[in-house]
Amino acid sequence: MTRLPTPNITPLSGISREAPILLAGPTASGKSALAMELAARDGRIVVNADSLQVYDCWRILSARPSGTDEATVPHALYGHIGRHHSYSVGEWLREVAPYLSRPVVIVGGTGLYFSALTEGLADIPAIPAQVRSVADARMAQEGMAAMLADLDEDTKTRIDVLNPARVQRAWEVLHATGRGIASWQRQTGPALLPLSDCEPLVLRPDPSWLDPRIRSRFTAMMEMGALDEARAALAQWDPTLPSSKAIGAPELISHLRGELSLTEAVENAVLASRQYAKRQRTWFRSRMKNWREWSVS
């Protein structure tokens, strides 16, 4: 992946050389570049904590590390899942566990992965296919607001209510188990990596700095072949799959189907990226108050 100009980052000397490092930040904030610097400095392995970078179909659109990056320092949990698999946070926890005995920097923008790692994860039963099918249909026909209205108030305070995937997941849990996610979360098991045992860092760049980087990065993605990547997914495209949530993928698919001009698709993708970054910043403010803020500019 061609990188944006490396941001100015507070000197690395203030970051532990021994403790496991958790590095969260919104899209296009420079966290991957920082993770590679830390890995090179300390002999760490870079471990993915991004729910879309796990998929093998989106190297460009998910901004996965390039082959050169992966050859420079060790990387793990990137691009190892097929597009049709509904990869879960529970699967990620099981896969990340073996790496915690090694020097790591765990980097990504999926707040739920980090909260599950540092706070524990509820042992919620698998959702039956019939319930998921009903949820998919309802989301398509009635939208997120209708599903959100069905949730208990306690659950609404715990989930990202602006994220359709999280709202649908909460609806599925409630209808499959008869209990809201909040109720399940009160019975979580112990954390794999409590905050007291690691160096948790969160990047919180100003939107006025981040927004131009988001546009520049999507422009670079288009130059690198993002449209071809979307074209390869067109024949088997299923908008209900978690892998189909990659920012830019739905917009480029719409262009390939003749529903949008390329200019419209690009503008919609940039807007979707900015909206996603806003949701990430909201999560970080509300759920990562005890994380150390690391400045970028």
Protein backbone atom coordinates (compact mmCIF):
# COMPACT_ATOMS: atom_id res chain seq x y z
CA MET A 1 0.00 0.00 0.00
CA THR A 2 1.44 3.41 -0.99
CA ARG A 3 1.65 5.46 2.17
CA LEU A 4 0.64 9.05 2.81
CA PRO A 5 3.36 11.40 4.06
CA THR A 6 4.40 10.16 7.49
CA PRO A 7 2.78 12.37 10.12
CA ASN A 8 4.77 14.21 12.75
CA ILE A 9 4.53 11.97 15.81
CA THR A 10 5.63 12.63 19.37
CA PRO A 11 9.11 11.03 19.80
CA LEU A 12 9.03 7.28 20.28
CA SER A 13 11.35 7.48 23.28
CA GLY A 14 8.29 7.97 25.47
CA ILE A 15 6.81 4.59 24.47
CA SER A 16 7.74 1.43 26.39
CA ARG A 17 10.27 -0.95 24.84
CA GLU A 18 9.11 -3.91 26.94
CA ALA A 19 5.33 -3.84 27.43
CA PRO A 20 2.90 -5.01 24.76
CA ILE A 21 1.74 -1.95 22.81
CA LEU A 22 -1.84 -1.35 21.74
CA LEU A 23 -2.18 1.34 19.08
CA ALA A 24 -5.63 2.57 18.09
CA GLY A 25 -6.55 5.41 15.78
CA PRO A 26 -9.00 6.49 13.09
CA THR A 27 -8.56 5.62 9.45
CA ALA A 28 -5.70 7.43 7.65
CA SER A 29 -4.20 8.71 10.92
CA GLY A 30 -0.77 7.16 10.38
CA LYS A 31 -1.07 4.36 12.94
CA SER A 32 0.31 1.68 10.60
CA ALA A 33 3.45 3.73 9.94
CA LEU A 34 3.90 4.26 13.68
CA ALA A 35 3.38 0.55 14.36
CA MET A 36 6.11 -0.34 11.86
CA GLU A 37 8.51 2.12 13.47
CA LEU A 38 7.88 0.58 16.87
CA ALA A 39 8.25 -2.94 15.49
CA ALA A 40 11.57 -2.08 13.86
CA ARG A 41 12.83 -0.32 16.99
CA ASP A 42 12.01 -3.14 19.41
CA GLY A 43 11.92 -6.31 17.31
CA ARG A 44 8.13 -6.57 17.64
CA ILE A 45 5.59 -8.28 15.43
CA VAL A 46 2.79 -6.07 14.05
CA VAL A 47 -0.57 -7.72 14.81
CA ASN A 48 -3.74 -6.58 13.08
CA ALA A 49 -6.74 -5.24 15.01
CA ASP A 50 -8.81 -4.08 12.04
CA SER A 51 -11.93 -6.07 11.18
CA LEU A 52 -11.59 -5.49 7.41
CA GLN A 53 -7.86 -5.98 7.00
CA VAL A 54 -8.34 -9.65 7.91
CA TYR A 55 -9.98 -10.29 4.51
CA ASP A 56 -7.89 -11.53 1.61
CA CYS A 57 -9.92 -9.64 -1.01
CA TRP A 58 -9.15 -6.07 0.09
CA ARG A 59 -5.47 -5.26 0.19
CA ILE A 60 -5.98 -1.84 -1.42
CA LEU A 61 -9.40 -0.76 -0.16
CA SER A 62 -8.71 -1.83 3.43
CA ALA A 63 -5.24 -0.19 3.35
CA ARG A 64 -3.59 -3.45 4.34
CA PRO A 65 0.20 -3.36 4.68
CA SER A 66 2.00 -3.87 1.40
CA GLY A 67 4.13 -6.87 0.55
CA THR A 68 7.18 -4.67 1.12
CA ASP A 69 5.92 -3.72 4.59
CA GLU A 70 5.34 -7.36 5.46
CA ALA A 71 8.85 -8.23 4.33
CA THR A 72 10.36 -5.39 6.37
CA VAL A 73 8.91 -6.39 9.76
CA PRO A 74 6.80 -9.42 10.74
CA HIS A 75 3.02 -9.00 10.42
CA ALA A 76 0.19 -11.26 11.59
CA LEU A 77 -3.58 -11.65 11.09
CA TYR A 78 -3.68 -9.72 7.82
CA GLY A 79 -5.49 -10.99 4.72
CA HIS A 80 -5.97 -14.52 6.01
CA ILE A 81 -9.80 -14.76 5.88
CA GLY A 82 -11.94 -15.42 2.78
CA ARG A 83 -14.55 -12.88 1.74
CA HIS A 84 -17.53 -15.14 2.53
CA HIS A 85 -16.58 -15.82 6.14
CA SER A 86 -18.32 -13.78 8.86
CA TYR A 87 -15.25 -13.29 11.02
CA SER A 88 -16.10 -12.42 14.62
CA VAL A 89 -14.41 -10.65 17.50
CA GLY A 90 -14.35 -13.99 19.32
CA GLU A 91 -12.34 -15.53 16.48
CA TRP A 92 -9.95 -12.60 16.54
CA LEU A 93 -9.40 -13.03 20.30
CA ARG A 94 -8.60 -16.71 19.84
CA GLU A 95 -6.17 -15.92 17.03
CA VAL A 96 -4.45 -13.03 18.79
CA ALA A 97 -3.91 -14.93 22.07
CA PRO A 98 -0.78 -16.88 20.96
CA TYR A 99 0.98 -13.64 19.98
CA LEU A 100 0.65 -12.10 23.43
CA SER A 101 3.65 -14.08 24.67
CA ARG A 102 5.83 -12.31 22.09
CA PRO A 103 6.91 -8.65 21.72
CA VAL A 104 3.94 -7.13 19.86
CA VAL A 105 2.39 -3.93 18.70
CA ILE A 106 -1.31 -4.54 18.08
CA VAL A 107 -2.64 -1.89 15.72
CA GLY A 108 -6.01 -1.07 14.20
CA GLY A 109 -9.14 0.97 14.20
CA THR A 110 -11.72 -1.58 15.38
CA GLY A 111 -12.56 -0.43 18.89
CA LEU A 112 -14.53 -3.56 19.69
CA TYR A 113 -11.42 -5.72 19.22
CA PHE A 114 -9.48 -3.61 21.69
CA SER A 115 -12.26 -3.51 24.28
CA ALA A 116 -12.69 -7.30 24.05
CA LEU A 117 -8.94 -7.77 24.47
CA THR A 118 -8.59 -5.45 27.48
CA GLU A 119 -11.99 -5.84 29.16
CA GLY A 120 -13.06 -9.40 28.26
CA LEU A 121 -15.72 -10.75 25.91
CA ALA A 122 -19.18 -12.06 26.69
CA ASP A 123 -19.74 -15.72 25.78
CA ILE A 124 -22.78 -15.08 23.57
CA PRO A 125 -24.21 -18.14 21.78
CA ALA A 126 -23.92 -18.36 18.01
CA ILE A 127 -26.74 -16.63 16.15
CA PRO A 128 -28.97 -19.08 14.22
CA ALA A 129 -28.98 -18.61 10.46
CA GLN A 130 -32.74 -18.00 10.48
CA VAL A 131 -32.41 -15.07 12.89
CA ARG A 132 -29.61 -13.58 10.82
CA SER A 133 -31.69 -13.93 7.66
CA VAL A 134 -34.61 -12.10 9.28
CA ALA A 135 -32.21 -9.40 10.51
CA ASP A 136 -30.68 -8.95 7.04
CA ALA A 137 -34.14 -8.56 5.51
CA ARG A 138 -35.29 -6.11 8.14
CA MET A 139 -32.17 -3.98 7.84
CA ALA A 140 -32.65 -3.84 4.06
CA GLN A 141 -36.37 -3.05 4.23
CA GLU A 142 -36.73 -0.88 7.34
CA GLY A 143 -33.24 0.38 8.05
CA MET A 144 -31.11 0.81 11.14
CA ALA A 145 -33.47 3.12 13.03
CA ALA A 146 -36.23 0.48 13.19
CA MET A 147 -33.84 -2.13 14.57
CA LEU A 148 -32.36 0.32 17.05
CA ALA A 149 -35.85 1.10 18.38
CA ASP A 150 -36.24 -2.55 19.41
CA LEU A 151 -33.14 -2.58 21.62
CA ASP A 152 -33.14 -2.11 25.38
CA GLU A 153 -31.81 1.18 26.71
CA ASP A 154 -28.87 -0.45 28.48
CA THR A 155 -27.64 -1.96 25.23
CA LYS A 156 -28.01 1.36 23.41
CA THR A 157 -25.56 2.97 25.83
CA ARG A 158 -22.94 0.27 25.17
CA ILE A 159 -22.91 -0.10 21.39
CA ASP A 160 -22.00 2.23 18.53
CA VAL A 161 -25.54 3.29 17.58
CA LEU A 162 -24.28 4.89 14.35
CA ASN A 163 -22.82 1.62 13.08
CA PRO A 164 -25.39 -0.53 11.22
CA ALA A 165 -23.38 -3.72 11.73
CA ARG A 166 -23.25 -3.22 15.51
CA VAL A 167 -26.95 -2.34 15.70
CA GLN A 168 -27.90 -5.42 13.68
CA ARG A 169 -25.63 -7.60 15.83
CA ALA A 170 -27.34 -6.31 18.99
CA TRP A 171 -30.77 -6.96 17.47
CA GLU A 172 -29.77 -10.51 16.52
CA VAL A 173 -28.48 -11.25 20.02
CA LEU A 174 -31.66 -9.94 21.63
CA HIS A 175 -33.94 -11.95 19.35
CA ALA A 176 -31.83 -15.12 19.43
CA THR A 177 -31.24 -15.25 23.19
CA GLY A 178 -33.96 -13.11 24.74
CA ARG A 179 -31.28 -10.99 26.41
CA GLY A 180 -29.67 -7.75 25.34
CA ILE A 181 -25.94 -7.49 24.67
CA ALA A 182 -25.54 -5.34 27.78
CA SER A 183 -26.89 -8.18 29.92
CA TRP A 184 -24.44 -10.64 28.35
CA GLN A 185 -21.54 -8.21 28.73
CA ARG A 186 -22.08 -7.98 32.48
CA GLN A 187 -21.03 -11.64 32.60
CA THR A 188 -17.80 -11.27 30.66
CA GLY A 189 -14.81 -13.44 31.40
CA PRO A 190 -11.36 -12.11 32.34
CA ALA A 191 -9.45 -9.93 29.89
CA LEU A 192 -6.62 -11.50 27.91
CA LEU A 193 -4.57 -8.31 28.24
CA PRO A 194 -5.70 -5.82 30.92
CA LEU A 195 -4.73 -2.19 30.33
CA SER A 196 -2.46 -2.34 33.39
CA ASP A 197 -0.29 -4.93 31.63
CA CYS A 198 0.35 -3.02 28.41
CA GLU A 199 1.01 0.39 26.83
CA PRO A 200 -2.34 1.52 25.36
CA LEU A 201 -2.00 4.42 22.93
CA VAL A 202 -4.72 6.17 20.93
CA LEU A 203 -4.21 8.69 18.12
CA ARG A 204 -6.76 11.50 18.13
CA PRO A 205 -5.94 13.79 15.20
CA ASP A 206 -7.93 16.91 14.50
CA PRO A 207 -10.51 16.41 11.71
CA SER A 208 -9.13 19.42 9.84
CA TRP A 209 -5.83 17.54 9.54
CA LEU A 210 -7.33 14.11 8.96
CA ASP A 211 -9.94 14.90 6.29
CA PRO A 212 -7.46 15.92 3.55
CA ARG A 213 -5.44 12.76 4.27
CA ILE A 214 -8.56 10.65 3.80
CA ARG A 215 -9.13 12.15 0.36
CA SER A 216 -5.48 11.83 -0.61
CA ARG A 217 -5.40 8.21 0.46
CA PHE A 218 -8.50 7.26 -1.54
CA THR A 219 -7.04 9.01 -4.58
CA ALA A 220 -3.91 6.89 -4.12
CA MET A 221 -6.05 3.76 -3.78
CA MET A 222 -7.73 4.49 -7.10
CA GLU A 223 -4.34 4.95 -8.77
CA MET A 224 -3.19 1.62 -7.33
CA GLY A 225 -6.12 -0.34 -8.75
CA ALA A 226 -8.98 -0.14 -6.26
CA LEU A 227 -11.49 -0.29 -9.10
CA ASP A 228 -9.98 -3.55 -10.34
CA GLU A 229 -10.15 -4.92 -6.80
CA ALA A 230 -13.86 -4.08 -6.70
CA ARG A 231 -14.36 -5.56 -10.17
CA ALA A 232 -12.89 -8.86 -8.96
CA ALA A 233 -15.59 -8.93 -6.25
CA LEU A 234 -18.49 -8.00 -8.53
CA ALA A 235 -19.62 -11.48 -9.61
CA GLN A 236 -19.94 -12.75 -6.02
CA TRP A 237 -20.93 -9.46 -4.39
CA ASP A 238 -23.12 -9.86 -1.31
CA PRO A 239 -23.73 -6.58 0.53
CA THR A 240 -24.79 -8.39 3.72
CA LEU A 241 -21.36 -9.94 4.31
CA PRO A 242 -19.04 -8.27 6.83
CA SER A 243 -16.30 -8.22 4.19
CA SER A 244 -18.53 -6.02 2.00
CA LYS A 245 -18.30 -3.19 4.54
CA ALA A 246 -14.87 -2.13 3.29
CA ILE A 247 -15.06 1.62 2.76
CA GLY A 248 -15.22 2.32 -0.96
CA ALA A 249 -16.26 -1.17 -1.98
CA PRO A 250 -20.06 -0.59 -2.09
CA GLU A 251 -19.53 2.71 -3.87
CA LEU A 252 -17.26 1.24 -6.55
CA ILE A 253 -19.57 -1.74 -7.01
CA SER A 254 -22.42 0.73 -7.62
CA HIS A 255 -20.30 2.40 -10.29
CA LEU A 256 -19.51 -0.93 -11.95
CA ARG A 257 -23.24 -1.69 -12.03
CA GLY A 258 -23.91 1.60 -13.78
CA GLU A 259 -25.68 3.17 -10.79
CA LEU A 260 -23.08 5.91 -10.15
CA SER A 261 -20.52 7.74 -12.22
CA LEU A 262 -16.92 7.14 -11.16
CA THR A 263 -16.69 10.68 -9.82
CA GLU A 264 -19.83 10.14 -7.73
CA ALA A 265 -18.53 6.81 -6.45
CA VAL A 266 -15.22 8.36 -5.38
CA GLU A 267 -16.92 11.30 -3.66
CA ASN A 268 -19.31 8.96 -1.84
CA ALA A 269 -16.40 6.78 -0.72
CA VAL A 270 -14.48 9.77 0.62
CA LEU A 271 -17.59 10.91 2.51
CA ALA A 272 -18.11 7.39 3.89
CA SER A 273 -14.47 7.33 5.05
CA ARG A 274 -14.89 10.63 6.87
CA GLN A 275 -18.09 9.43 8.50
CA TYR A 276 -16.35 6.24 9.59
CA ALA A 277 -13.46 8.23 11.06
CA LYS A 278 -15.99 10.31 13.00
CA ARG A 279 -17.58 7.15 14.43
CA GLN A 280 -14.14 5.87 15.39
CA ARG A 281 -13.28 9.12 17.17
CA THR A 282 -16.57 8.96 19.07
CA TRP A 283 -15.80 5.38 20.19
CA PHE A 284 -12.28 6.31 21.27
CA ARG A 285 -13.52 9.27 23.31
CA SER A 286 -16.21 7.25 25.09
CA ARG A 287 -14.47 3.88 25.50
CA MET A 288 -10.76 4.71 25.65
CA LYS A 289 -10.66 7.36 28.34
CA ASN A 290 -7.90 5.49 30.17
CA TRP A 291 -5.72 5.15 27.08
CA ARG A 292 -2.74 7.43 26.60
CA GLU A 293 -3.33 9.99 23.86
CA TRP A 294 -0.50 10.23 21.35
CA SER A 295 -0.28 13.37 19.27
CA VAL A 296 0.04 13.47 15.48
CA SER A 297 0.06 16.42 13.11
